[in-house]
PDB file of N, CA and C in Angstrom:
ATOM      1  N   GLN A   1      27.112 -17.594  -8.637  1.00  0.00           N
ATOM      2  CA  GLN A   1      26.352 -18.088  -7.495  1.00  0.00           C
ATOM      3  C   GLN A   1      25.130 -17.207  -7.229  1.00  0.00           C
ATOM      4  N   VAL A   2      25.356 -15.910  -7.113  1.00  0.00           N
ATOM      5  CA  VAL A   2      24.255 -14.971  -6.920  1.00  0.00           C
ATOM      6  C   VAL A   2      23.547 -14.743  -8.250  1.00  0.00           C
ATOM      7  N   GLN A   3      22.231 -14.737  -8.203  1.00  0.00           N
ATOM      8  CA  GLN A   3      21.424 -14.466  -9.381  1.00  0.00           C
ATOM      9  C   GLN A   3      20.336 -13.456  -9.073  1.00  0.00           C
ATOM     10  N   LEU A   4      20.183 -12.494  -9.960  1.00  0.00           N
ATOM     11  CA  LEU A   4      19.052 -11.583  -9.959  1.00  0.00           C
ATOM     12  C   LEU A   4      18.353 -11.752 -11.296  1.00  0.00           C
ATOM     13  N   VAL A   5      17.092 -12.115 -11.269  1.00  0.00           N
ATOM     14  CA  VAL A   5      16.355 -12.413 -12.489  1.00  0.00           C
ATOM     15  C   VAL A   5      15.165 -11.488 -12.600  1.00  0.00           C
ATOM     16  N   GLU A   6      15.193 -10.625 -13.613  1.00  0.00           N
ATOM     17  CA  GLU A   6      14.102  -9.692 -13.860  1.00  0.00           C
ATOM     18  C   GLU A   6      13.056 -10.324 -14.767  1.00  0.00           C
ATOM     19  N   SER A   7      11.826  -9.875 -14.612  1.00  0.00           N
ATOM     20  CA  SER A   7      10.744 -10.291 -15.484  1.00  0.00           C
ATOM     21  C   SER A   7       9.678  -9.208 -15.502  1.00  0.00           C
ATOM     22  N   GLY A   8       8.764  -9.315 -16.445  1.00  0.00           N
ATOM     23  CA  GLY A   8       7.635  -8.404 -16.509  1.00  0.00           C
ATOM     24  C   GLY A   8       7.704  -7.366 -17.605  1.00  0.00           C
ATOM     25  N   GLY A   9       8.809  -7.303 -18.322  1.00  0.00           N
ATOM     26  CA  GLY A   9       8.909  -6.358 -19.417  1.00  0.00           C
ATOM     27  C   GLY A   9       8.051  -6.780 -20.589  1.00  0.00           C
ATOM     28  N   GLY A  10       7.953  -5.888 -21.564  1.00  0.00           N
ATOM     29  CA  GLY A  10       7.164  -6.178 -22.740  1.00  0.00           C
ATOM     30  C   GLY A  10       6.898  -4.943 -23.555  1.00  0.00           C
ATOM     31  N   LEU A  11       5.995  -5.083 -24.507  1.00  0.00           N
ATOM     32  CA  LEU A  11       5.597  -4.000 -25.399  1.00  0.00           C
ATOM     33  C   LEU A  11       4.240  -3.472 -24.970  1.00  0.00           C
ATOM     34  N   VAL A  12       4.176  -2.174 -24.692  1.00  0.00           N
ATOM     35  CA  VAL A  12       2.928  -1.530 -24.299  1.00  0.00           C
ATOM     36  C   VAL A  12       2.773  -0.213 -25.041  1.00  0.00           C
ATOM     37  N   GLN A  13       1.549   0.279 -25.061  1.00  0.00           N
ATOM     38  CA  GLN A  13       1.269   1.574 -25.659  1.00  0.00           C
ATOM     39  C   GLN A  13       1.451   2.686 -24.636  1.00  0.00           C
ATOM     40  N   PRO A  14       1.695   3.905 -25.088  1.00  0.00           N
ATOM     41  CA  PRO A  14       1.804   5.026 -24.148  1.00  0.00           C
ATOM     42  C   PRO A  14       0.582   5.129 -23.243  1.00  0.00           C
ATOM     43  N   GLY A  15       0.835   5.408 -21.964  1.00  0.00           N
ATOM     44  CA  GLY A  15      -0.218   5.514 -20.981  1.00  0.00           C
ATOM     45  C   GLY A  15      -0.528   4.230 -20.245  1.00  0.00           C
ATOM     46  N   GLU A  16      -0.046   3.116 -20.738  1.00  0.00           N
ATOM     47  CA  GLU A  16      -0.299   1.831 -20.093  1.00  0.00           C
ATOM     48  C   GLU A  16       0.704   1.574 -18.975  1.00  0.00           C
ATOM     49  N   SER A  17       0.565   0.428 -18.315  1.00  0.00           N
ATOM     50  CA  SER A  17       1.363   0.102 -17.145  1.00  0.00           C
ATOM     51  C   SER A  17       2.051  -1.241 -17.286  1.00  0.00           C
ATOM     52  N   LEU A  18       3.153  -1.379 -16.573  1.00  0.00           N
ATOM     53  CA  LEU A  18       3.863  -2.641 -16.435  1.00  0.00           C
ATOM     54  C   LEU A  18       4.355  -2.771 -15.002  1.00  0.00           C
ATOM     55  N   ARG A  19       4.487  -4.004 -14.551  1.00  0.00           N
ATOM     56  CA  ARG A  19       5.045  -4.287 -13.242  1.00  0.00           C
ATOM     57  C   ARG A  19       6.237  -5.222 -13.403  1.00  0.00           C
ATOM     58  N   LEU A  20       7.415  -4.725 -13.107  1.00  0.00           N
ATOM     59  CA  LEU A  20       8.627  -5.517 -13.184  1.00  0.00           C
ATOM     60  C   LEU A  20       8.905  -6.190 -11.850  1.00  0.00           C
ATOM     61  N   SER A  21       9.457  -7.386 -11.924  1.00  0.00           N
ATOM     62  CA  SER A  21       9.857  -8.126 -10.740  1.00  0.00           C
ATOM     63  C   SER A  21      11.315  -8.536 -10.860  1.00  0.00           C
ATOM     64  N   CYS A  22      11.973  -8.640  -9.727  1.00  0.00           N
ATOM     65  CA  CYS A  22      13.356  -9.102  -9.670  1.00  0.00           C
ATOM     66  C   CYS A  22      13.471 -10.065  -8.501  1.00  0.00           C
ATOM     67  N   VAL A  23      13.765 -11.313  -8.801  1.00  0.00           N
ATOM     68  CA  VAL A  23      13.889 -12.350  -7.785  1.00  0.00           C
ATOM     69  C   VAL A  23      15.363 -12.662  -7.571  1.00  0.00           C
ATOM     70  N   ALA A  24      15.793 -12.631  -6.318  1.00  0.00           N
ATOM     71  CA  ALA A  24      17.189 -12.867  -5.967  1.00  0.00           C
ATOM     72  C   ALA A  24      17.385 -14.287  -5.462  1.00  0.00           C
ATOM     73  N   SER A  25      18.501 -14.884  -5.873  1.00  0.00           N
ATOM     74  CA  SER A  25      18.898 -16.203  -5.395  1.00  0.00           C
ATOM     75  C   SER A  25      20.303 -16.119  -4.815  1.00  0.00           C
ATOM     76  N   SER A  26      20.564 -16.930  -3.808  1.00  0.00           N
ATOM     77  CA  SER A  26      21.872 -17.016  -3.155  1.00  0.00           C
ATOM     78  C   SER A  26      22.300 -15.715  -2.481  1.00  0.00           C
ATOM     79  N   LEU A  27      21.350 -14.890  -2.139  1.00  0.00           N
ATOM     80  CA  LEU A  27      21.579 -13.749  -1.270  1.00  0.00           C
ATOM     81  C   LEU A  27      20.302 -13.451  -0.506  1.00  0.00           C
ATOM     82  N   THR A  28      20.471 -12.848   0.646  1.00  0.00           N
ATOM     83  CA  THR A  28      19.333 -12.462   1.462  1.00  0.00           C
ATOM     84  C   THR A  28      19.002 -11.009   1.153  1.00  0.00           C
ATOM     85  N   LEU A  29      17.875 -10.795   0.539  1.00  0.00           N
ATOM     86  CA  LEU A  29      17.535  -9.477   0.012  1.00  0.00           C
ATOM     87  C   LEU A  29      17.546  -8.399   1.090  1.00  0.00           C
ATOM     88  N   SER A  30      17.173  -8.756   2.306  1.00  0.00           N
ATOM     89  CA  SER A  30      17.102  -7.777   3.381  1.00  0.00           C
ATOM     90  C   SER A  30      18.460  -7.174   3.737  1.00  0.00           C
ATOM     91  N   ASN A  31      19.543  -7.791   3.310  1.00  0.00           N
ATOM     92  CA  ASN A  31      20.885  -7.279   3.572  1.00  0.00           C
ATOM     93  C   ASN A  31      21.352  -6.251   2.543  1.00  0.00           C
ATOM     94  N   TYR A  32      20.538  -5.989   1.530  1.00  0.00           N
ATOM     95  CA  TYR A  32      20.963  -5.173   0.400  1.00  0.00           C
ATOM     96  C   TYR A  32      20.017  -4.018   0.143  1.00  0.00           C
ATOM     97  N   ALA A  33      20.596  -2.903  -0.261  1.00  0.00           N
ATOM     98  CA  ALA A  33      19.811  -1.865  -0.902  1.00  0.00           C
ATOM     99  C   ALA A  33      19.539  -2.302  -2.336  1.00  0.00           C
ATOM    100  N   MET A  34      18.324  -2.092  -2.801  1.00  0.00           N
ATOM    101  CA  MET A  34      17.923  -2.546  -4.123  1.00  0.00           C
ATOM    102  C   MET A  34      17.600  -1.356  -5.018  1.00  0.00           C
ATOM    103  N   SER A  35      17.959  -1.491  -6.280  1.00  0.00           N
ATOM    104  CA  SER A  35      17.738  -0.411  -7.231  1.00  0.00           C
ATOM    105  C   SER A  35      17.300  -0.956  -8.570  1.00  0.00           C
ATOM    106  N   TRP A  36      16.612  -0.112  -9.307  1.00  0.00           N
ATOM    107  CA  TRP A  36      16.328  -0.348 -10.717  1.00  0.00           C
ATOM    108  C   TRP A  36      17.057   0.703 -11.542  1.00  0.00           C
ATOM    109  N   TYR A  37      17.761   0.252 -12.558  1.00  0.00           N
ATOM    110  CA  TYR A  37      18.401   1.101 -13.536  1.00  0.00           C
ATOM    111  C   TYR A  37      17.799   0.816 -14.900  1.00  0.00           C
ATOM    112  N   ARG A  38      18.042   1.719 -15.828  1.00  0.00           N
ATOM    113  CA  ARG A  38      17.633   1.459 -17.199  1.00  0.00           C
ATOM    114  C   ARG A  38      18.674   2.012 -18.161  1.00  0.00           C
ATOM    115  N   GLN A  39      18.698   1.432 -19.345  1.00  0.00           N
ATOM    116  CA  GLN A  39      19.612   1.875 -20.379  1.00  0.00           C
ATOM    117  C   GLN A  39      18.909   1.819 -21.722  1.00  0.00           C
ATOM    118  N   ALA A  40      18.791   2.967 -22.347  1.00  0.00           N
ATOM    119  CA  ALA A  40      18.206   3.072 -23.669  1.00  0.00           C
ATOM    120  C   ALA A  40      19.310   3.003 -24.716  1.00  0.00           C
ATOM    121  N   PRO A  41      18.967   2.632 -25.944  1.00  0.00           N
ATOM    122  CA  PRO A  41      19.982   2.558 -26.997  1.00  0.00           C
ATOM    123  C   PRO A  41      20.726   3.875 -27.159  1.00  0.00           C
ATOM    124  N   GLY A  42      22.044   3.798 -27.173  1.00  0.00           N
ATOM    125  CA  GLY A  42      22.869   4.974 -27.359  1.00  0.00           C
ATOM    126  C   GLY A  42      23.010   5.870 -26.145  1.00  0.00           C
ATOM    127  N   LYS A  43      22.484   5.454 -25.002  1.00  0.00           N
ATOM    128  CA  LYS A  43      22.556   6.265 -23.799  1.00  0.00           C
ATOM    129  C   LYS A  43      23.239   5.509 -22.667  1.00  0.00           C
ATOM    130  N   GLU A  44      23.669   6.266 -21.661  1.00  0.00           N
ATOM    131  CA  GLU A  44      24.273   5.669 -20.481  1.00  0.00           C
ATOM    132  C   GLU A  44      23.208   5.036 -19.595  1.00  0.00           C
ATOM    133  N   ARG A  45      23.624   4.062 -18.819  1.00  0.00           N
ATOM    134  CA  ARG A  45      22.733   3.479 -17.831  1.00  0.00           C
ATOM    135  C   ARG A  45      22.433   4.516 -16.754  1.00  0.00           C
ATOM    136  N   GLU A  46      21.174   4.625 -16.368  1.00  0.00           N
ATOM    137  CA  GLU A  46      20.774   5.626 -15.406  1.00  0.00           C
ATOM    138  C   GLU A  46      19.926   5.013 -14.301  1.00  0.00           C
ATOM    139  N   LEU A  47      20.036   5.592 -13.119  1.00  0.00           N
ATOM    140  CA  LEU A  47      19.257   5.135 -11.978  1.00  0.00           C
ATOM    141  C   LEU A  47      17.808   5.561 -12.130  1.00  0.00           C
ATOM    142  N   VAL A  48      16.908   4.619 -11.904  1.00  0.00           N
ATOM    143  CA  VAL A  48      15.473   4.879 -11.958  1.00  0.00           C
ATOM    144  C   VAL A  48      14.900   5.050 -10.560  1.00  0.00           C
ATOM    145  N   ALA A  49      15.167   4.090  -9.679  1.00  0.00           N
ATOM    146  CA  ALA A  49      14.615   4.109  -8.336  1.00  0.00           C
ATOM    147  C   ALA A  49      15.444   3.211  -7.441  1.00  0.00           C
ATOM    148  N   SER A  50      15.433   3.492  -6.147  1.00  0.00           N
ATOM    149  CA  SER A  50      16.132   2.661  -5.188  1.00  0.00           C
ATOM    150  C   SER A  50      15.345   2.585  -3.896  1.00  0.00           C
ATOM    151  N   ILE A  51      15.598   1.519  -3.149  1.00  0.00           N
ATOM    152  CA  ILE A  51      14.931   1.316  -1.872  1.00  0.00           C
ATOM    153  C   ILE A  51      15.953   0.785  -0.879  1.00  0.00           C
ATOM    154  N   ALA A  52      15.943   1.348   0.312  1.00  0.00           N
ATOM    155  CA  ALA A  52      16.894   0.982   1.345  1.00  0.00           C
ATOM    156  C   ALA A  52      16.532  -0.351   1.993  1.00  0.00           C
ATOM    157  N   ARG A  53      17.342  -0.756   2.960  1.00  0.00           N
ATOM    158  CA  ARG A  53      17.146  -2.059   3.594  1.00  0.00           C
ATOM    159  C   ARG A  53      15.974  -2.040   4.570  1.00  0.00           C
ATOM    160  N   VAL A  54      16.243  -2.048   5.850  1.00  0.00           N
ATOM    161  CA  VAL A  54      15.184  -2.197   6.845  1.00  0.00           C
ATOM    162  C   VAL A  54      14.221  -1.015   6.829  1.00  0.00           C
ATOM    163  N   GLU A  55      14.755   0.169   6.720  1.00  0.00           N
ATOM    164  CA  GLU A  55      13.931   1.369   6.762  1.00  0.00           C
ATOM    165  C   GLU A  55      13.031   1.501   5.543  1.00  0.00           C
ATOM    166  N   SER A  56      13.460   0.938   4.418  1.00  0.00           N
ATOM    167  CA  SER A  56      12.697   0.928   3.173  1.00  0.00           C
ATOM    168  C   SER A  56      12.388   2.320   2.639  1.00  0.00           C
ATOM    169  N   SER A  57      13.259   3.268   2.908  1.00  0.00           N
ATOM    170  CA  SER A  57      13.102   4.571   2.296  1.00  0.00           C
ATOM    171  C   SER A  57      13.404   4.465   0.805  1.00  0.00           C
ATOM    172  N   THR A  58      12.768   5.317   0.013  1.00  0.00           N
ATOM    173  CA  THR A  58      12.876   5.226  -1.438  1.00  0.00           C
ATOM    174  C   THR A  58      13.371   6.526  -2.038  1.00  0.00           C
ATOM    175  N   ASN A  59      13.984   6.410  -3.203  1.00  0.00           N
ATOM    176  CA  ASN A  59      14.406   7.551  -3.992  1.00  0.00           C
ATOM    177  C   ASN A  59      14.077   7.286  -5.446  1.00  0.00           C
ATOM    178  N   TYR A  60      13.721   8.351  -6.162  1.00  0.00           N
ATOM    179  CA  TYR A  60      13.320   8.234  -7.553  1.00  0.00           C
ATOM    180  C   TYR A  60      14.008   9.288  -8.394  1.00  0.00           C
ATOM    181  N   ALA A  61      14.324   8.903  -9.615  1.00  0.00           N
ATOM    182  CA  ALA A  61      14.771   9.889 -10.581  1.00  0.00           C
ATOM    183  C   ALA A  61      13.630  10.849 -10.893  1.00  0.00           C
ATOM    184  N   ASP A  62      13.974  12.082 -11.206  1.00  0.00           N
ATOM    185  CA  ASP A  62      12.944  13.083 -11.477  1.00  0.00           C
ATOM    186  C   ASP A  62      12.029  12.672 -12.623  1.00  0.00           C
ATOM    187  N   PHE A  63      12.559  11.971 -13.588  1.00  0.00           N
ATOM    188  CA  PHE A  63      11.764  11.659 -14.770  1.00  0.00           C
ATOM    189  C   PHE A  63      10.740  10.554 -14.545  1.00  0.00           C
ATOM    190  N   VAL A  64      10.732   9.928 -13.354  1.00  0.00           N
ATOM    191  CA  VAL A  64       9.724   8.906 -13.065  1.00  0.00           C
ATOM    192  C   VAL A  64       8.893   9.215 -11.826  1.00  0.00           C
ATOM    193  N   LYS A  65       9.195  10.287 -11.123  1.00  0.00           N
ATOM    194  CA  LYS A  65       8.449  10.620  -9.914  1.00  0.00           C
ATOM    195  C   LYS A  65       6.969  10.794 -10.216  1.00  0.00           C
ATOM    196  N   GLY A  66       6.147  10.172  -9.381  1.00  0.00           N
ATOM    197  CA  GLY A  66       4.716  10.227  -9.567  1.00  0.00           C
ATOM    198  C   GLY A  66       4.171   9.174 -10.502  1.00  0.00           C
ATOM    199  N   ARG A  67       5.044   8.463 -11.206  1.00  0.00           N
ATOM    200  CA  ARG A  67       4.612   7.430 -12.144  1.00  0.00           C
ATOM    201  C   ARG A  67       5.072   6.032 -11.745  1.00  0.00           C
ATOM    202  N   PHE A  68       6.283   5.923 -11.202  1.00  0.00           N
ATOM    203  CA  PHE A  68       6.855   4.626 -10.855  1.00  0.00           C
ATOM    204  C   PHE A  68       6.901   4.459  -9.340  1.00  0.00           C
ATOM    205  N   THR A  69       6.782   3.215  -8.880  1.00  0.00           N
ATOM    206  CA  THR A  69       6.881   2.895  -7.469  1.00  0.00           C
ATOM    207  C   THR A  69       7.749   1.662  -7.281  1.00  0.00           C
ATOM    208  N   ILE A  70       8.775   1.784  -6.447  1.00  0.00           N
ATOM    209  CA  ILE A  70       9.613   0.644  -6.111  1.00  0.00           C
ATOM    210  C   ILE A  70       9.171   0.096  -4.760  1.00  0.00           C
ATOM    211  N   SER A  71       9.182  -1.218  -4.626  1.00  0.00           N
ATOM    212  CA  SER A  71       8.831  -1.855  -3.372  1.00  0.00           C
ATOM    213  C   SER A  71       9.602  -3.162  -3.245  1.00  0.00           C
ATOM    214  N   ARG A  72       9.621  -3.712  -2.045  1.00  0.00           N
ATOM    215  CA  ARG A  72      10.331  -4.965  -1.833  1.00  0.00           C
ATOM    216  C   ARG A  72       9.529  -5.890  -0.934  1.00  0.00           C
ATOM    217  N   ASP A  73       9.705  -7.176  -1.152  1.00  0.00           N
ATOM    218  CA  ASP A  73       9.130  -8.206  -0.316  1.00  0.00           C
ATOM    219  C   ASP A  73      10.288  -9.095   0.112  1.00  0.00           C
ATOM    220  N   ASN A  74      10.854  -8.806   1.273  1.00  0.00           N
ATOM    221  CA  ASN A  74      12.038  -9.528   1.717  1.00  0.00           C
ATOM    222  C   ASN A  74      11.764 -11.015   1.948  1.00  0.00           C
ATOM    223  N   ALA A  75      10.559 -11.342   2.374  1.00  0.00           N
ATOM    224  CA  ALA A  75      10.211 -12.738   2.598  1.00  0.00           C
ATOM    225  C   ALA A  75      10.280 -13.548   1.313  1.00  0.00           C
ATOM    226  N   LYS A  76      10.016 -12.912   0.192  1.00  0.00           N
ATOM    227  CA  LYS A  76      10.069 -13.570  -1.110  1.00  0.00           C
ATOM    228  C   LYS A  76      11.336 -13.245  -1.882  1.00  0.00           C
ATOM    229  N   ASN A  77      12.249 -12.501  -1.267  1.00  0.00           N
ATOM    230  CA  ASN A  77      13.497 -12.106  -1.925  1.00  0.00           C
ATOM    231  C   ASN A  77      13.236 -11.443  -3.275  1.00  0.00           C
ATOM    232  N   THR A  78      12.277 -10.545  -3.288  1.00  0.00           N
ATOM    233  CA  THR A  78      11.830  -9.937  -4.531  1.00  0.00           C
ATOM    234  C   THR A  78      11.688  -8.430  -4.388  1.00  0.00           C
ATOM    235  N   VAL A  79      12.092  -7.721  -5.427  1.00  0.00           N
ATOM    236  CA  VAL A  79      11.875  -6.282  -5.517  1.00  0.00           C
ATOM    237  C   VAL A  79      11.034  -6.017  -6.762  1.00  0.00           C
ATOM    238  N   PHE A  80      10.166  -5.017  -6.683  1.00  0.00           N
ATOM    239  CA  PHE A  80       9.234  -4.712  -7.755  1.00  0.00           C
ATOM    240  C   PHE A  80       9.421  -3.282  -8.237  1.00  0.00           C
ATOM    241  N   LEU A  81       9.020  -3.057  -9.465  1.00  0.00           N
ATOM    242  CA  LEU A  81       8.908  -1.713  -9.996  1.00  0.00           C
ATOM    243  C   LEU A  81       7.579  -1.605 -10.729  1.00  0.00           C
ATOM    244  N   GLN A  82       6.647  -0.882 -10.129  1.00  0.00           N
ATOM    245  CA  GLN A  82       5.367  -0.612 -10.766  1.00  0.00           C
ATOM    246  C   GLN A  82       5.509   0.635 -11.624  1.00  0.00           C
ATOM    247  N   MET A  83       5.241   0.497 -12.904  1.00  0.00           N
ATOM    248  CA  MET A  83       5.422   1.586 -13.852  1.00  0.00           C
ATOM    249  C   MET A  83       4.070   1.938 -14.458  1.00  0.00           C
ATOM    250  N   ASN A  84       3.603   3.134 -14.166  1.00  0.00           N
ATOM    251  CA  ASN A  84       2.335   3.630 -14.683  1.00  0.00           C
ATOM    252  C   ASN A  84       2.578   4.791 -15.636  1.00  0.00           C
ATOM    253  N   SER A  85       1.571   5.085 -16.425  1.00  0.00           N
ATOM    254  CA  SER A  85       1.625   6.218 -17.358  1.00  0.00           C
ATOM    255  C   SER A  85       2.898   6.201 -18.194  1.00  0.00           C
ATOM    256  N   LEU A  86       3.184   5.067 -18.759  1.00  0.00           N
ATOM    257  CA  LEU A  86       4.429   4.897 -19.495  1.00  0.00           C
ATOM    258  C   LEU A  86       4.476   5.788 -20.728  1.00  0.00           C
ATOM    259  N   LYS A  87       5.666   6.273 -21.015  1.00  0.00           N
ATOM    260  CA  LYS A  87       5.927   7.150 -22.139  1.00  0.00           C
ATOM    261  C   LYS A  87       6.918   6.490 -23.089  1.00  0.00           C
ATOM    262  N   PRO A  88       6.912   6.893 -24.351  1.00  0.00           N
ATOM    263  CA  PRO A  88       7.898   6.330 -25.281  1.00  0.00           C
ATOM    264  C   PRO A  88       9.337   6.469 -24.798  1.00  0.00           C
ATOM    265  N   GLU A  89       9.652   7.561 -24.118  1.00  0.00           N
ATOM    266  CA  GLU A  89      11.006   7.756 -23.628  1.00  0.00           C
ATOM    267  C   GLU A  89      11.384   6.829 -22.477  1.00  0.00           C
ATOM    268  N   ASP A  90      10.428   6.063 -21.963  1.00  0.00           N
ATOM    269  CA  ASP A  90      10.728   5.042 -20.967  1.00  0.00           C
ATOM    270  C   ASP A  90      11.274   3.765 -21.594  1.00  0.00           C
ATOM    271  N   THR A  91      11.261   3.687 -22.901  1.00  0.00           N
ATOM    272  CA  THR A  91      11.768   2.510 -23.589  1.00  0.00           C
ATOM    273  C   THR A  91      13.242   2.293 -23.259  1.00  0.00           C
ATOM    274  N   ALA A  92      13.561   1.115 -22.743  1.00  0.00           N
ATOM    275  CA  ALA A  92      14.922   0.804 -22.317  1.00  0.00           C
ATOM    276  C   ALA A  92      14.973  -0.629 -21.827  1.00  0.00           C
ATOM    277  N   VAL A  93      16.183  -1.104 -21.595  1.00  0.00           N
ATOM    278  CA  VAL A  93      16.378  -2.335 -20.844  1.00  0.00           C
ATOM    279  C   VAL A  93      16.470  -1.954 -19.373  1.00  0.00           C
ATOM    280  N   TYR A  94      15.673  -2.596 -18.557  1.00  0.00           N
ATOM    281  CA  TYR A  94      15.626  -2.297 -17.132  1.00  0.00           C
ATOM    282  C   TYR A  94      16.380  -3.368 -16.358  1.00  0.00           C
ATOM    283  N   TYR A  95      17.269  -2.922 -15.471  1.00  0.00           N
ATOM    284  CA  TYR A  95      18.142  -3.807 -14.720  1.00  0.00           C
ATOM    285  C   TYR A  95      17.885  -3.696 -13.229  1.00  0.00           C
ATOM    286  N   CYS A  96      17.906  -4.819 -12.564  1.00  0.00           N
ATOM    287  CA  CYS A  96      17.817  -4.895 -11.123  1.00  0.00           C
ATOM    288  C   CYS A  96      19.220  -4.946 -10.535  1.00  0.00           C
ATOM    289  N   SER A  97      19.431  -4.250  -9.422  1.00  0.00           N
ATOM    290  CA  SER A  97      20.731  -4.200  -8.777  1.00  0.00           C
ATOM    291  C   SER A  97      20.592  -4.375  -7.272  1.00  0.00           C
ATOM    292  N   ALA A  98      21.502  -5.135  -6.688  1.00  0.00           N
ATOM    293  CA  ALA A  98      21.579  -5.333  -5.242  1.00  0.00           C
ATOM    294  C   ALA A  98      22.936  -4.853  -4.758  1.00  0.00           C
ATOM    295  N   ARG A  99      22.939  -4.050  -3.707  1.00  0.00           N
ATOM    296  CA  ARG A  99      24.186  -3.421  -3.277  1.00  0.00           C
ATOM    297  C   ARG A  99      24.292  -3.378  -1.766  1.00  0.00           C
ATOM    298  N   ARG A 100      25.482  -3.671  -1.272  1.00  0.00           N
ATOM    299  CA  ARG A 100      25.835  -3.354   0.107  1.00  0.00           C
ATOM    300  C   ARG A 100      27.267  -2.835   0.122  1.00  0.00           C
ATOM    301  N   VAL A 101      27.916  -2.833   1.261  1.00  0.00           N
ATOM    302  CA  VAL A 101      29.167  -2.092   1.416  1.00  0.00           C
ATOM    303  C   VAL A 101      30.212  -2.451   0.361  1.00  0.00           C
ATOM    304  N   TRP A 102      30.439  -3.742   0.153  1.00  0.00           N
ATOM    305  CA  TRP A 102      31.565  -4.164  -0.669  1.00  0.00           C
ATOM    306  C   TRP A 102      31.202  -4.706  -2.038  1.00  0.00           C
ATOM    307  N   VAL A 103      29.956  -5.026  -2.269  1.00  0.00           N
ATOM    308  CA  VAL A 103      29.607  -5.706  -3.509  1.00  0.00           C
ATOM    309  C   VAL A 103      28.341  -5.127  -4.115  1.00  0.00           C
ATOM    310  N   THR A 104      28.250  -5.249  -5.425  1.00  0.00           N
ATOM    311  CA  THR A 104      27.056  -4.916  -6.182  1.00  0.00           C
ATOM    312  C   THR A 104      26.794  -6.028  -7.191  1.00  0.00           C
ATOM    313  N   TYR A 105      25.556  -6.466  -7.265  1.00  0.00           N
ATOM    314  CA  TYR A 105      25.157  -7.490  -8.215  1.00  0.00           C
ATOM    315  C   TYR A 105      24.146  -6.924  -9.196  1.00  0.00           C
ATOM    316  N   TRP A 106      24.131  -7.500 -10.391  1.00  0.00           N
ATOM    317  CA  TRP A 106      23.246  -7.045 -11.463  1.00  0.00           C
ATOM    318  C   TRP A 106      22.483  -8.198 -12.072  1.00  0.00           C
ATOM    319  N   GLY A 107      21.252  -7.938 -12.457  1.00  0.00           N
ATOM    320  CA  GLY A 107      20.486  -8.884 -13.236  1.00  0.00           C
ATOM    321  C   GLY A 107      20.803  -8.760 -14.711  1.00  0.00           C
ATOM    322  N   GLN A 108      20.159  -9.593 -15.511  1.00  0.00           N
ATOM    323  CA  GLN A 108      20.418  -9.623 -16.945  1.00  0.00           C
ATOM    324  C   GLN A 108      19.631  -8.572 -17.720  1.00  0.00           C
ATOM    325  N   GLY A 109      18.621  -8.008 -17.097  1.00  0.00           N
ATOM    326  CA  GLY A 109      17.808  -6.981 -17.724  1.00  0.00           C
ATOM    327  C   GLY A 109      16.549  -7.529 -18.359  1.00  0.00           C
ATOM    328  N   THR A 110      15.543  -6.675 -18.447  1.00  0.00           N
ATOM    329  CA  THR A 110      14.306  -7.001 -19.136  1.00  0.00           C
ATOM    330  C   THR A 110      13.906  -5.815 -20.002  1.00  0.00           C
ATOM    331  N   GLN A 111      13.489  -6.096 -21.219  1.00  0.00           N
ATOM    332  CA  GLN A 111      13.197  -5.050 -22.194  1.00  0.00           C
ATOM    333  C   GLN A 111      11.807  -4.475 -21.973  1.00  0.00           C
ATOM    334  N   VAL A 112      11.739  -3.155 -21.917  1.00  0.00           N
ATOM    335  CA  VAL A 112      10.475  -2.432 -21.886  1.00  0.00           C
ATOM    336  C   VAL A 112      10.412  -1.546 -23.118  1.00  0.00           C
ATOM    337  N   THR A 113       9.371  -1.718 -23.909  1.00  0.00           N
ATOM    338  CA  THR A 113       9.188  -0.917 -25.105  1.00  0.00           C
ATOM    339  C   THR A 113       7.821  -0.250 -25.050  1.00  0.00           C
ATOM    340  N   VAL A 114       7.802   1.069 -25.179  1.00  0.00           N
ATOM    341  CA  VAL A 114       6.570   1.845 -25.147  1.00  0.00           C
ATOM    342  C   VAL A 114       6.413   2.504 -26.506  1.00  0.00           C
ATOM    343  N   SER A 115       5.418   2.066 -27.239  1.00  0.00           N
ATOM    344  CA  SER A 115       5.257   2.528 -28.613  1.00  0.00           C
ATOM    345  C   SER A 115       3.812   2.387 -29.042  1.00  0.00           C
ATOM    346  N   SER A 116       3.391   3.301 -29.911  1.00  0.00           N
ATOM    347  CA  SER A 116       2.068   3.213 -30.507  1.00  0.00           C
ATOM    348  C   SER A 116       2.051   2.250 -31.681  1.00  0.00           C
TER     349      SER A 116
END
């Protein structure tokens, strides 16, 4: 019933930018804390960034601070991840997550590849 659909991934060169989007269906985004995770081949899934509900406070992993920005548009039920100054080590599948007290939902992921 609940769907989170990511988009915006692709192949870029180092130093370029991408903007990921995650559109939620069958849930009200304002009721959830939203996060972006990523998983590279052979590695564990790791938290990239998160944004709280009404207060919209944000947290970032150290490896993306100063380069990535998470934001939300509750009216459009959408969360974004602006990724600047991309590095090869940013290559991964990026997942959108919605969480509140009892439940967590996940999107299907979108591939980001940073390569020369």
